[in-house]
Amino acid sequence: MINEIIGTVLICAGIAFDFFGVLGLVRLPDVYNRLQAATKCVTFGTAGILLGVLIIQGFNAFGIKCIIGIIFIFLTSPVGAHAISRAAHRAGIKLTRESIVDIYAEDKELKESSTN
């Protein structure tokens, strides 16, 4: 009984995180801010949903698949977001005017590739 309550709460929290990630995709001004919102919220949202399912189902074959899914999401989502943001910056997609810091602009590798 308590497992179902905790699992349901985690699933609802995961759905809320996913909702806020989608809201960030719609409301934020540029690709970099949108990518940050989507990556953070969807990573924690999907992991929350899978963790809730794991708690409800228990440590059976389905639960092990949930653990593998959580590990996969935590390893691949930040790496993918970094690769996409770096590619967007190399392609010359500008930041919004409200952005304060552009760390990639200070990167020596990017300056060398743009002069070639």
PDB file of N, CA and C in Angstrom:
ATOM      1  N   MET A   1       0.817  -1.201   0.000  1.00  0.00           N
ATOM      2  CA  MET A   1       0.000   0.000   0.000  1.00  0.00           C
ATOM      3  C   MET A   1       0.861   1.266   0.000  1.00  0.00           C
ATOM      4  N   ILE A   2       1.851   1.310   0.882  1.00  0.00           N
ATOM      5  CA  ILE A   2       2.703   2.498   0.955  1.00  0.00           C
ATOM      6  C   ILE A   2       3.570   2.615  -0.306  1.00  0.00           C
ATOM      7  N   ASN A   3       3.934   1.462  -0.888  1.00  0.00           N
ATOM      8  CA  ASN A   3       4.707   1.498  -2.135  1.00  0.00           C
ATOM      9  C   ASN A   3       3.909   2.151  -3.256  1.00  0.00           C
ATOM     10  N   GLU A   4       2.633   1.871  -3.321  1.00  0.00           N
ATOM     11  CA  GLU A   4       1.791   2.459  -4.356  1.00  0.00           C
ATOM     12  C   GLU A   4       1.643   3.961  -4.165  1.00  0.00           C
ATOM     13  N   ILE A   5       1.542   4.395  -2.926  1.00  0.00           N
ATOM     14  CA  ILE A   5       1.410   5.832  -2.664  1.00  0.00           C
ATOM     15  C   ILE A   5       2.699   6.562  -3.031  1.00  0.00           C
ATOM     16  N   ILE A   6       3.835   6.039  -2.584  1.00  0.00           N
ATOM     17  CA  ILE A   6       5.123   6.674  -2.898  1.00  0.00           C
ATOM     18  C   ILE A   6       5.380   6.646  -4.398  1.00  0.00           C
ATOM     19  N   GLY A   7       5.089   5.509  -5.032  1.00  0.00           N
ATOM     20  CA  GLY A   7       5.275   5.403  -6.474  1.00  0.00           C
ATOM     21  C   GLY A   7       4.392   6.369  -7.241  1.00  0.00           C
ATOM     22  N   THR A   8       3.155   6.507  -6.821  1.00  0.00           N
ATOM     23  CA  THR A   8       2.231   7.437  -7.482  1.00  0.00           C
ATOM     24  C   THR A   8       2.680   8.880  -7.307  1.00  0.00           C
ATOM     25  N   VAL A   9       3.174   9.221  -6.119  1.00  0.00           N
ATOM     26  CA  VAL A   9       3.682  10.579  -5.888  1.00  0.00           C
ATOM     27  C   VAL A   9       4.885  10.857  -6.793  1.00  0.00           C
ATOM     28  N   LEU A  10       5.798   9.890  -6.913  1.00  0.00           N
ATOM     29  CA  LEU A  10       6.960  10.081  -7.787  1.00  0.00           C
ATOM     30  C   LEU A  10       6.551  10.193  -9.255  1.00  0.00           C
ATOM     31  N   ILE A  11       5.582   9.400  -9.664  1.00  0.00           N
ATOM     32  CA  ILE A  11       5.101   9.485 -11.046  1.00  0.00           C
ATOM     33  C   ILE A  11       4.466  10.846 -11.304  1.00  0.00           C
ATOM     34  N   CYS A  12       3.664  11.328 -10.364  1.00  0.00           N
ATOM     35  CA  CYS A  12       3.045  12.652 -10.521  1.00  0.00           C
ATOM     36  C   CYS A  12       4.099  13.757 -10.542  1.00  0.00           C
ATOM     37  N   ALA A  13       5.116  13.641  -9.696  1.00  0.00           N
ATOM     38  CA  ALA A  13       6.208  14.628  -9.718  1.00  0.00           C
ATOM     39  C   ALA A  13       6.958  14.582 -11.043  1.00  0.00           C
ATOM     40  N   GLY A  14       7.169  13.382 -11.577  1.00  0.00           N
ATOM     41  CA  GLY A  14       7.820  13.251 -12.881  1.00  0.00           C
ATOM     42  C   GLY A  14       6.999  13.870 -13.993  1.00  0.00           C
ATOM     43  N   ILE A  15       5.700  13.672 -13.955  1.00  0.00           N
ATOM     44  CA  ILE A  15       4.824  14.281 -14.954  1.00  0.00           C
ATOM     45  C   ILE A  15       4.863  15.800 -14.838  1.00  0.00           C
ATOM     46  N   ALA A  16       4.911  16.308 -13.612  1.00  0.00           N
ATOM     47  CA  ALA A  16       5.006  17.766 -13.411  1.00  0.00           C
ATOM     48  C   ALA A  16       6.312  18.306 -13.993  1.00  0.00           C
ATOM     49  N   PHE A  17       7.421  17.609 -13.747  1.00  0.00           N
ATOM     50  CA  PHE A  17       8.698  18.034 -14.329  1.00  0.00           C
ATOM     51  C   PHE A  17       8.632  18.026 -15.850  1.00  0.00           C
ATOM     52  N   ASP A  18       8.053  16.985 -16.423  1.00  0.00           N
ATOM     53  CA  ASP A  18       7.917  16.928 -17.882  1.00  0.00           C
ATOM     54  C   ASP A  18       7.058  18.081 -18.399  1.00  0.00           C
ATOM     55  N   PHE A  19       5.985  18.389 -17.680  1.00  0.00           N
ATOM     56  CA  PHE A  19       5.125  19.506 -18.086  1.00  0.00           C
ATOM     57  C   PHE A  19       5.899  20.823 -18.074  1.00  0.00           C
ATOM     58  N   PHE A  20       6.681  21.059 -17.019  1.00  0.00           N
ATOM     59  CA  PHE A  20       7.446  22.303 -16.950  1.00  0.00           C
ATOM     60  C   PHE A  20       8.537  22.352 -18.031  1.00  0.00           C
ATOM     61  N   GLY A  21       9.076  21.204 -18.406  1.00  0.00           N
ATOM     62  CA  GLY A  21      10.028  21.171 -19.516  1.00  0.00           C
ATOM     63  C   GLY A  21       9.385  21.572 -20.827  1.00  0.00           C
ATOM     64  N   VAL A  22       8.180  21.088 -21.072  1.00  0.00           N
ATOM     65  CA  VAL A  22       7.446  21.460 -22.287  1.00  0.00           C
ATOM     66  C   VAL A  22       7.077  22.940 -22.243  1.00  0.00           C
ATOM     67  N   LEU A  23       6.686  23.420 -21.080  1.00  0.00           N
ATOM     68  CA  LEU A  23       6.377  24.839 -20.921  1.00  0.00           C
ATOM     69  C   LEU A  23       7.614  25.696 -21.219  1.00  0.00           C
ATOM     70  N   GLY A  24       8.779  25.239 -20.783  1.00  0.00           N
ATOM     71  CA  GLY A  24      10.026  25.942 -21.080  1.00  0.00           C
ATOM     72  C   GLY A  24      10.337  25.963 -22.568  1.00  0.00           C
ATOM     73  N   LEU A  25      10.008  24.877 -23.258  1.00  0.00           N
ATOM     74  CA  LEU A  25      10.219  24.844 -24.706  1.00  0.00           C
ATOM     75  C   LEU A  25       9.378  25.892 -25.417  1.00  0.00           C
ATOM     76  N   VAL A  26       8.198  26.116 -24.920  1.00  0.00           N
ATOM     77  CA  VAL A  26       7.285  27.059 -25.552  1.00  0.00           C
ATOM     78  C   VAL A  26       7.632  28.502 -25.187  1.00  0.00           C
ATOM     79  N   ARG A  27       8.024  28.742 -23.946  1.00  0.00           N
ATOM     80  CA  ARG A  27       8.138  30.111 -23.441  1.00  0.00           C
ATOM     81  C   ARG A  27       9.533  30.733 -23.549  1.00  0.00           C
ATOM     82  N   LEU A  28      10.576  29.944 -23.552  1.00  0.00           N
ATOM     83  CA  LEU A  28      11.926  30.526 -23.507  1.00  0.00           C
ATOM     84  C   LEU A  28      12.359  31.047 -24.875  1.00  0.00           C
ATOM     85  N   PRO A  29      13.268  32.044 -24.902  1.00  0.00           N
ATOM     86  CA  PRO A  29      13.498  32.804 -26.124  1.00  0.00           C
ATOM     87  C   PRO A  29      14.414  32.174 -27.167  1.00  0.00           C
ATOM     88  N   ASP A  30      15.441  31.438 -26.782  1.00  0.00           N
ATOM     89  CA  ASP A  30      16.366  30.934 -27.799  1.00  0.00           C
ATOM     90  C   ASP A  30      16.647  29.450 -27.607  1.00  0.00           C
ATOM     91  N   VAL A  31      17.387  28.896 -28.546  1.00  0.00           N
ATOM     92  CA  VAL A  31      17.624  27.452 -28.556  1.00  0.00           C
ATOM     93  C   VAL A  31      18.395  27.001 -27.321  1.00  0.00           C
ATOM     94  N   TYR A  32      19.284  27.815 -26.804  1.00  0.00           N
ATOM     95  CA  TYR A  32      20.101  27.417 -25.663  1.00  0.00           C
ATOM     96  C   TYR A  32      19.265  27.348 -24.382  1.00  0.00           C
ATOM     97  N   ASN A  33      18.426  28.332 -24.167  1.00  0.00           N
ATOM     98  CA  ASN A  33      17.547  28.304 -22.994  1.00  0.00           C
ATOM     99  C   ASN A  33      16.520  27.183 -23.103  1.00  0.00           C
ATOM    100  N   ARG A  34      16.005  26.973 -24.280  1.00  0.00           N
ATOM    101  CA  ARG A  34      15.032  25.903 -24.478  1.00  0.00           C
ATOM    102  C   ARG A  34      15.669  24.540 -24.242  1.00  0.00           C
ATOM    103  N   LEU A  35      16.887  24.396 -24.716  1.00  0.00           N
ATOM    104  CA  LEU A  35      17.592  23.136 -24.539  1.00  0.00           C
ATOM    105  C   LEU A  35      17.868  22.858 -23.067  1.00  0.00           C
ATOM    106  N   GLN A  36      18.207  23.893 -22.330  1.00  0.00           N
ATOM    107  CA  GLN A  36      18.461  23.733 -20.895  1.00  0.00           C
ATOM    108  C   GLN A  36      17.188  23.316 -20.171  1.00  0.00           C
ATOM    109  N   ALA A  37      16.091  23.958 -20.487  1.00  0.00           N
ATOM    110  CA  ALA A  37      14.825  23.618 -19.834  1.00  0.00           C
ATOM    111  C   ALA A  37      14.400  22.199 -20.173  1.00  0.00           C
ATOM    112  N   ALA A  38      14.506  21.859 -21.427  1.00  0.00           N
ATOM    113  CA  ALA A  38      14.085  20.526 -21.854  1.00  0.00           C
ATOM    114  C   ALA A  38      14.966  19.443 -21.237  1.00  0.00           C
ATOM    115  N   THR A  39      16.254  19.662 -21.217  1.00  0.00           N
ATOM    116  CA  THR A  39      17.160  18.642 -20.719  1.00  0.00           C
ATOM    117  C   THR A  39      16.982  18.412 -19.222  1.00  0.00           C
ATOM    118  N   LYS A  40      17.000  19.468 -18.458  1.00  0.00           N
ATOM    119  CA  LYS A  40      16.910  19.314 -17.004  1.00  0.00           C
ATOM    120  C   LYS A  40      15.557  18.741 -16.588  1.00  0.00           C
ATOM    121  N   CYS A  41      14.500  19.341 -17.079  1.00  0.00           N
ATOM    122  CA  CYS A  41      13.160  18.920 -16.646  1.00  0.00           C
ATOM    123  C   CYS A  41      12.815  17.527 -17.141  1.00  0.00           C
ATOM    124  N   VAL A  42      13.103  17.247 -18.382  1.00  0.00           N
ATOM    125  CA  VAL A  42      12.728  15.948 -18.922  1.00  0.00           C
ATOM    126  C   VAL A  42      13.597  14.841 -18.327  1.00  0.00           C
ATOM    127  N   THR A  43      14.866  15.144 -18.031  1.00  0.00           N
ATOM    128  CA  THR A  43      15.713  14.145 -17.392  1.00  0.00           C
ATOM    129  C   THR A  43      15.154  13.762 -16.028  1.00  0.00           C
ATOM    130  N   PHE A  44      14.881  14.758 -15.196  1.00  0.00           N
ATOM    131  CA  PHE A  44      14.348  14.456 -13.876  1.00  0.00           C
ATOM    132  C   PHE A  44      12.912  13.949 -13.941  1.00  0.00           C
ATOM    133  N   GLY A  45      12.141  14.435 -14.900  1.00  0.00           N
ATOM    134  CA  GLY A  45      10.769  13.980 -15.031  1.00  0.00           C
ATOM    135  C   GLY A  45      10.678  12.522 -15.422  1.00  0.00           C
ATOM    136  N   THR A  46      11.418  12.138 -16.437  1.00  0.00           N
ATOM    137  CA  THR A  46      11.389  10.751 -16.890  1.00  0.00           C
ATOM    138  C   THR A  46      11.995   9.829 -15.837  1.00  0.00           C
ATOM    139  N   ALA A  47      13.068  10.282 -15.187  1.00  0.00           N
ATOM    140  CA  ALA A  47      13.656   9.476 -14.119  1.00  0.00           C
ATOM    141  C   ALA A  47      12.672   9.322 -12.957  1.00  0.00           C
ATOM    142  N   GLY A  48      11.916  10.358 -12.649  1.00  0.00           N
ATOM    143  CA  GLY A  48      10.913  10.267 -11.588  1.00  0.00           C
ATOM    144  C   GLY A  48       9.810   9.289 -11.928  1.00  0.00           C
ATOM    145  N   ILE A  49       9.374   9.318 -13.170  1.00  0.00           N
ATOM    146  CA  ILE A  49       8.338   8.376 -13.602  1.00  0.00           C
ATOM    147  C   ILE A  49       8.860   6.944 -13.513  1.00  0.00           C
ATOM    148  N   LEU A  50      10.065   6.726 -14.009  1.00  0.00           N
ATOM    149  CA  LEU A  50      10.627   5.376 -13.965  1.00  0.00           C
ATOM    150  C   LEU A  50      10.888   4.912 -12.536  1.00  0.00           C
ATOM    151  N   LEU A  51      11.316   5.828 -11.669  1.00  0.00           N
ATOM    152  CA  LEU A  51      11.539   5.471 -10.274  1.00  0.00           C
ATOM    153  C   LEU A  51      10.216   5.123  -9.587  1.00  0.00           C
ATOM    154  N   GLY A  52       9.160   5.866  -9.900  1.00  0.00           N
ATOM    155  CA  GLY A  52       7.842   5.547  -9.361  1.00  0.00           C
ATOM    156  C   GLY A  52       7.353   4.186  -9.814  1.00  0.00           C
ATOM    157  N   VAL A  53       7.569   3.874 -11.077  1.00  0.00           N
ATOM    158  CA  VAL A  53       7.177   2.561 -11.594  1.00  0.00           C
ATOM    159  C   VAL A  53       7.997   1.463 -10.924  1.00  0.00           C
ATOM    160  N   LEU A  54       9.283   1.738 -10.699  1.00  0.00           N
ATOM    161  CA  LEU A  54      10.139   0.764 -10.019  1.00  0.00           C
ATOM    162  C   LEU A  54       9.630   0.484  -8.606  1.00  0.00           C
ATOM    163  N   ILE A  55       9.248   1.517  -7.897  1.00  0.00           N
ATOM    164  CA  ILE A  55       8.762   1.328  -6.528  1.00  0.00           C
ATOM    165  C   ILE A  55       7.433   0.569  -6.523  1.00  0.00           C
ATOM    166  N   ILE A  56       6.570   0.859  -7.473  1.00  0.00           N
ATOM    167  CA  ILE A  56       5.288   0.143  -7.537  1.00  0.00           C
ATOM    168  C   ILE A  56       5.486  -1.316  -7.952  1.00  0.00           C
ATOM    169  N   GLN A  57       6.319  -1.545  -8.965  1.00  0.00           N
ATOM    170  CA  GLN A  57       6.495  -2.900  -9.492  1.00  0.00           C
ATOM    171  C   GLN A  57       7.405  -3.770  -8.625  1.00  0.00           C
ATOM    172  N   GLY A  58       8.394  -3.156  -7.983  1.00  0.00           N
ATOM    173  CA  GLY A  58       9.352  -3.931  -7.200  1.00  0.00           C
ATOM    174  C   GLY A  58      10.544  -4.329  -8.044  1.00  0.00           C
ATOM    175  N   PHE A  59      11.432  -5.094  -7.437  1.00  0.00           N
ATOM    176  CA  PHE A  59      12.669  -5.494  -8.109  1.00  0.00           C
ATOM    177  C   PHE A  59      12.475  -6.794  -8.882  1.00  0.00           C
ATOM    178  N   ASN A  60      11.666  -6.737  -9.913  1.00  0.00           N
ATOM    179  CA  ASN A  60      11.521  -7.864 -10.823  1.00  0.00           C
ATOM    180  C   ASN A  60      12.162  -7.473 -12.154  1.00  0.00           C
ATOM    181  N   ALA A  61      11.877  -8.197 -13.197  1.00  0.00           N
ATOM    182  CA  ALA A  61      12.481  -7.904 -14.498  1.00  0.00           C
ATOM    183  C   ALA A  61      12.099  -6.511 -14.991  1.00  0.00           C
ATOM    184  N   PHE A  62      10.868  -6.125 -14.751  1.00  0.00           N
ATOM    185  CA  PHE A  62      10.418  -4.792 -15.181  1.00  0.00           C
ATOM    186  C   PHE A  62      11.118  -3.694 -14.377  1.00  0.00           C
ATOM    187  N   GLY A  63      11.307  -3.916 -13.084  1.00  0.00           N
ATOM    188  CA  GLY A  63      11.998  -2.948 -12.240  1.00  0.00           C
ATOM    189  C   GLY A  63      13.452  -2.763 -12.643  1.00  0.00           C
ATOM    190  N   ILE A  64      14.097  -3.852 -13.020  1.00  0.00           N
ATOM    191  CA  ILE A  64      15.492  -3.762 -13.481  1.00  0.00           C
ATOM    192  C   ILE A  64      15.563  -2.946 -14.768  1.00  0.00           C
ATOM    193  N   LYS A  65      14.588  -3.101 -15.635  1.00  0.00           N
ATOM    194  CA  LYS A  65      14.551  -2.296 -16.857  1.00  0.00           C
ATOM    195  C   LYS A  65      14.378  -0.816 -16.532  1.00  0.00           C
ATOM    196  N   CYS A  66      13.603  -0.509 -15.497  1.00  0.00           N
ATOM    197  CA  CYS A  66      13.455   0.887 -15.066  1.00  0.00           C
ATOM    198  C   CYS A  66      14.780   1.455 -14.574  1.00  0.00           C
ATOM    199  N   ILE A  67      15.529   0.664 -13.809  1.00  0.00           N
ATOM    200  CA  ILE A  67      16.843   1.107 -13.326  1.00  0.00           C
ATOM    201  C   ILE A  67      17.781   1.363 -14.493  1.00  0.00           C
ATOM    202  N   ILE A  68      17.791   0.458 -15.459  1.00  0.00           N
ATOM    203  CA  ILE A  68      18.642   0.633 -16.641  1.00  0.00           C
ATOM    204  C   ILE A  68      18.220   1.882 -17.407  1.00  0.00           C
ATOM    205  N   GLY A  69      16.920   2.124 -17.515  1.00  0.00           N
ATOM    206  CA  GLY A  69      16.434   3.328 -18.194  1.00  0.00           C
ATOM    207  C   GLY A  69      16.855   4.603 -17.488  1.00  0.00           C
ATOM    208  N   ILE A  70      16.778   4.616 -16.159  1.00  0.00           N
ATOM    209  CA  ILE A  70      17.201   5.789 -15.389  1.00  0.00           C
ATOM    210  C   ILE A  70      18.685   6.066 -15.597  1.00  0.00           C
ATOM    211  N   ILE A  71      19.503   5.018 -15.512  1.00  0.00           N
ATOM    212  CA  ILE A  71      20.949   5.189 -15.719  1.00  0.00           C
ATOM    213  C   ILE A  71      21.227   5.709 -17.121  1.00  0.00           C
ATOM    214  N   PHE A  72      20.563   5.132 -18.114  1.00  0.00           N
ATOM    215  CA  PHE A  72      20.757   5.554 -19.499  1.00  0.00           C
ATOM    216  C   PHE A  72      20.392   7.026 -19.686  1.00  0.00           C
ATOM    217  N   ILE A  73      19.279   7.456 -19.123  1.00  0.00           N
ATOM    218  CA  ILE A  73      18.833   8.850 -19.265  1.00  0.00           C
ATOM    219  C   ILE A  73      19.822   9.802 -18.595  1.00  0.00           C
ATOM    220  N   PHE A  74      20.269   9.449 -17.372  1.00  0.00           N
ATOM    221  CA  PHE A  74      21.208  10.331 -16.673  1.00  0.00           C
ATOM    222  C   PHE A  74      22.558  10.417 -17.366  1.00  0.00           C
ATOM    223  N   LEU A  75      22.948   9.386 -18.101  1.00  0.00           N
ATOM    224  CA  LEU A  75      24.233   9.432 -18.805  1.00  0.00           C
ATOM    225  C   LEU A  75      24.138  10.110 -20.169  1.00  0.00           C
ATOM    226  N   THR A  76      23.059   9.891 -20.878  1.00  0.00           N
ATOM    227  CA  THR A  76      22.991  10.370 -22.257  1.00  0.00           C
ATOM    228  C   THR A  76      22.376  11.750 -22.429  1.00  0.00           C
ATOM    229  N   SER A  77      21.441  12.116 -21.593  1.00  0.00           N
ATOM    230  CA  SER A  77      20.737  13.385 -21.771  1.00  0.00           C
ATOM    231  C   SER A  77      21.662  14.605 -21.645  1.00  0.00           C
ATOM    232  N   PRO A  78      22.488  14.712 -20.614  1.00  0.00           N
ATOM    233  CA  PRO A  78      23.384  15.880 -20.545  1.00  0.00           C
ATOM    234  C   PRO A  78      24.419  15.910 -21.666  1.00  0.00           C
ATOM    235  N   VAL A  79      24.910  14.743 -22.054  1.00  0.00           N
ATOM    236  CA  VAL A  79      25.902  14.690 -23.135  1.00  0.00           C
ATOM    237  C   VAL A  79      25.270  15.117 -24.453  1.00  0.00           C
ATOM    238  N   GLY A  80      24.068  14.632 -24.711  1.00  0.00           N
ATOM    239  CA  GLY A  80      23.363  15.022 -25.933  1.00  0.00           C
ATOM    240  C   GLY A  80      23.050  16.508 -25.969  1.00  0.00           C
ATOM    241  N   ALA A  81      22.629  17.057 -24.837  1.00  0.00           N
ATOM    242  CA  ALA A  81      22.325  18.491 -24.777  1.00  0.00           C
ATOM    243  C   ALA A  81      23.580  19.325 -25.016  1.00  0.00           C
ATOM    244  N   HIS A  82      24.703  18.894 -24.464  1.00  0.00           N
ATOM    245  CA  HIS A  82      25.947  19.622 -24.676  1.00  0.00           C
ATOM    246  C   HIS A  82      26.354  19.577 -26.151  1.00  0.00           C
ATOM    247  N   ALA A  83      26.223  18.415 -26.768  1.00  0.00           N
ATOM    248  CA  ALA A  83      26.583  18.288 -28.178  1.00  0.00           C
ATOM    249  C   ALA A  83      25.681  19.153 -29.061  1.00  0.00           C
ATOM    250  N   ILE A  84      24.398  19.186 -28.767  1.00  0.00           N
ATOM    251  CA  ILE A  84      23.473  20.003 -29.554  1.00  0.00           C
ATOM    252  C   ILE A  84      23.763  21.484 -29.372  1.00  0.00           C
ATOM    253  N   SER A  85      24.016  21.918 -28.133  1.00  0.00           N
ATOM    254  CA  SER A  85      24.287  23.342 -27.902  1.00  0.00           C
ATOM    255  C   SER A  85      25.609  23.759 -28.529  1.00  0.00           C
ATOM    256  N   ARG A  86      26.594  22.894 -28.488  1.00  0.00           N
ATOM    257  CA  ARG A  86      27.881  23.223 -29.115  1.00  0.00           C
ATOM    258  C   ARG A  86      27.733  23.303 -30.637  1.00  0.00           C
ATOM    259  N   ALA A  87      26.975  22.381 -31.210  1.00  0.00           N
ATOM    260  CA  ALA A  87      26.745  22.418 -32.654  1.00  0.00           C
ATOM    261  C   ALA A  87      25.956  23.666 -33.049  1.00  0.00           C
ATOM    262  N   ALA A  88      24.993  24.052 -32.223  1.00  0.00           N
ATOM    263  CA  ALA A  88      24.227  25.263 -32.520  1.00  0.00           C
ATOM    264  C   ALA A  88      25.124  26.492 -32.465  1.00  0.00           C
ATOM    265  N   HIS A  89      26.021  26.532 -31.515  1.00  0.00           N
ATOM    266  CA  HIS A  89      26.932  27.681 -31.407  1.00  0.00           C
ATOM    267  C   HIS A  89      27.904  27.712 -32.577  1.00  0.00           C
ATOM    268  N   ARG A  90      28.407  26.536 -32.965  1.00  0.00           N
ATOM    269  CA  ARG A  90      29.319  26.484 -34.118  1.00  0.00           C
ATOM    270  C   ARG A  90      28.607  26.868 -35.411  1.00  0.00           C
ATOM    271  N   ALA A  91      27.314  26.577 -35.489  1.00  0.00           N
ATOM    272  CA  ALA A  91      26.547  26.933 -36.687  1.00  0.00           C
ATOM    273  C   ALA A  91      26.221  28.417 -36.729  1.00  0.00           C
ATOM    274  N   GLY A  92      26.516  29.133 -35.651  1.00  0.00           N
ATOM    275  CA  GLY A  92      26.316  30.575 -35.634  1.00  0.00           C
ATOM    276  C   GLY A  92      24.956  31.025 -35.137  1.00  0.00           C
ATOM    277  N   ILE A  93      24.227  30.153 -34.467  1.00  0.00           N
ATOM    278  CA  ILE A  93      22.932  30.553 -33.914  1.00  0.00           C
ATOM    279  C   ILE A  93      23.191  31.488 -32.747  1.00  0.00           C
ATOM    280  N   LYS A  94      22.627  32.665 -32.826  1.00  0.00           N
ATOM    281  CA  LYS A  94      22.883  33.714 -31.832  1.00  0.00           C
ATOM    282  C   LYS A  94      22.110  33.476 -30.548  1.00  0.00           C
ATOM    283  N   LEU A  95      22.670  33.978 -29.456  1.00  0.00           N
ATOM    284  CA  LEU A  95      21.979  33.981 -28.179  1.00  0.00           C
ATOM    285  C   LEU A  95      20.972  35.120 -28.174  1.00  0.00           C
ATOM    286  N   THR A  96      20.025  35.041 -27.281  1.00  0.00           N
ATOM    287  CA  THR A  96      19.073  36.127 -27.137  1.00  0.00           C
ATOM    288  C   THR A  96      19.765  37.365 -26.560  1.00  0.00           C
ATOM    289  N   ARG A  97      19.185  38.510 -26.761  1.00  0.00           N
ATOM    290  CA  ARG A  97      19.801  39.752 -26.266  1.00  0.00           C
ATOM    291  C   ARG A  97      19.906  39.776 -24.744  1.00  0.00           C
ATOM    292  N   GLU A  98      19.032  39.056 -24.073  1.00  0.00           N
ATOM    293  CA  GLU A  98      19.039  39.047 -22.613  1.00  0.00           C
ATOM    294  C   GLU A  98      20.150  38.181 -22.025  1.00  0.00           C
ATOM    295  N   SER A  99      20.804  37.379 -22.847  1.00  0.00           N
ATOM    296  CA  SER A  99      21.884  36.519 -22.347  1.00  0.00           C
ATOM    297  C   SER A  99      23.056  37.373 -21.904  1.00  0.00           C
ATOM    298  N   ILE A 100      23.638  37.011 -20.781  1.00  0.00           N
ATOM    299  CA  ILE A 100      24.705  37.818 -20.193  1.00  0.00           C
ATOM    300  C   ILE A 100      26.073  37.257 -20.536  1.00  0.00           C
ATOM    301  N   VAL A 101      26.247  35.943 -20.485  1.00  0.00           N
ATOM    302  CA  VAL A 101      27.554  35.323 -20.648  1.00  0.00           C
ATOM    303  C   VAL A 101      27.513  34.366 -21.828  1.00  0.00           C
ATOM    304  N   ASP A 102      28.578  34.387 -22.632  1.00  0.00           N
ATOM    305  CA  ASP A 102      28.742  33.445 -23.730  1.00  0.00           C
ATOM    306  C   ASP A 102      30.105  32.780 -23.573  1.00  0.00           C
ATOM    307  N   ILE A 103      30.143  31.692 -22.848  1.00  0.00           N
ATOM    308  CA  ILE A 103      31.403  31.003 -22.566  1.00  0.00           C
ATOM    309  C   ILE A 103      31.996  30.407 -23.841  1.00  0.00           C
ATOM    310  N   TYR A 104      31.155  29.924 -24.737  1.00  0.00           N
ATOM    311  CA  TYR A 104      31.671  29.334 -25.972  1.00  0.00           C
ATOM    312  C   TYR A 104      32.411  30.356 -26.831  1.00  0.00           C
ATOM    313  N   ALA A 105      32.055  31.617 -26.741  1.00  0.00           N
ATOM    314  CA  ALA A 105      32.739  32.645 -27.530  1.00  0.00           C
ATOM    315  C   ALA A 105      34.192  32.794 -27.097  1.00  0.00           C
ATOM    316  N   GLU A 106      34.482  32.441 -25.859  1.00  0.00           N
ATOM    317  CA  GLU A 106      35.851  32.528 -25.358  1.00  0.00           C
ATOM    318  C   GLU A 106      36.660  31.274 -25.650  1.00  0.00           C
ATOM    319  N   ASP A 107      36.030  30.244 -26.202  1.00  0.00           N
ATOM    320  CA  ASP A 107      36.693  28.970 -26.456  1.00  0.00           C
ATOM    321  C   ASP A 107      37.688  29.103 -27.600  1.00  0.00           C
ATOM    322  N   LYS A 108      38.923  28.701 -27.352  1.00  0.00           N
ATOM    323  CA  LYS A 108      39.983  28.833 -28.352  1.00  0.00           C
ATOM    324  C   LYS A 108      39.726  27.949 -29.566  1.00  0.00           C
ATOM    325  N   GLU A 109      39.197  26.754 -29.346  1.00  0.00           N
ATOM    326  CA  GLU A 109      38.946  25.831 -30.443  1.00  0.00           C
ATOM    327  C   GLU A 109      37.937  26.412 -31.441  1.00  0.00           C
ATOM    328  N   LEU A 110      36.920  27.057 -30.936  1.00  0.00           N
ATOM    329  CA  LEU A 110      35.914  27.634 -31.813  1.00  0.00           C
ATOM    330  C   LEU A 110      36.486  28.807 -32.608  1.00  0.00           C
ATOM    331  N   LYS A 111      37.368  29.595 -31.998  1.00  0.00           N
ATOM    332  CA  LYS A 111      37.975  30.717 -32.705  1.00  0.00           C
ATOM    333  C   LYS A 111      38.891  30.219 -33.811  1.00  0.00           C
ATOM    334  N   GLU A 112      39.630  29.134 -33.546  1.00  0.00           N
ATOM    335  CA  GLU A 112      40.525  28.586 -34.553  1.00  0.00           C
ATOM    336  C   GLU A 112      39.755  27.973 -35.712  1.00  0.00           C
ATOM    337  N   SER A 113      38.634  27.324 -35.442  1.00  0.00           N
ATOM    338  CA  SER A 113      37.863  26.691 -36.521  1.00  0.00           C
ATOM    339  C   SER A 113      37.168  27.738 -37.384  1.00  0.00           C
ATOM    340  N   SER A 114      36.848  28.889 -36.822  1.00  0.00           N
ATOM    341  CA  SER A 114      36.161  29.916 -37.604  1.00  0.00           C
ATOM    342  C   SER A 114      37.131  30.674 -38.515  1.00  0.00           C
ATOM    343  N   THR A 115      38.430  30.668 -38.193  1.00  0.00           N
ATOM    344  CA  THR A 115      39.405  31.350 -39.047  1.00  0.00           C
ATOM    345  C   THR A 115      39.843  30.500 -40.200  1.00  0.00           C
ATOM    346  N   ASN A 116      39.614  29.167 -40.134  1.00  0.00           N
ATOM    347  CA  ASN A 116      40.020  28.279 -41.238  1.00  0.00           C
ATOM    348  C   ASN A 116      39.065  28.303 -42.375  1.00  0.00           C
TER     349      ASN A 116
END
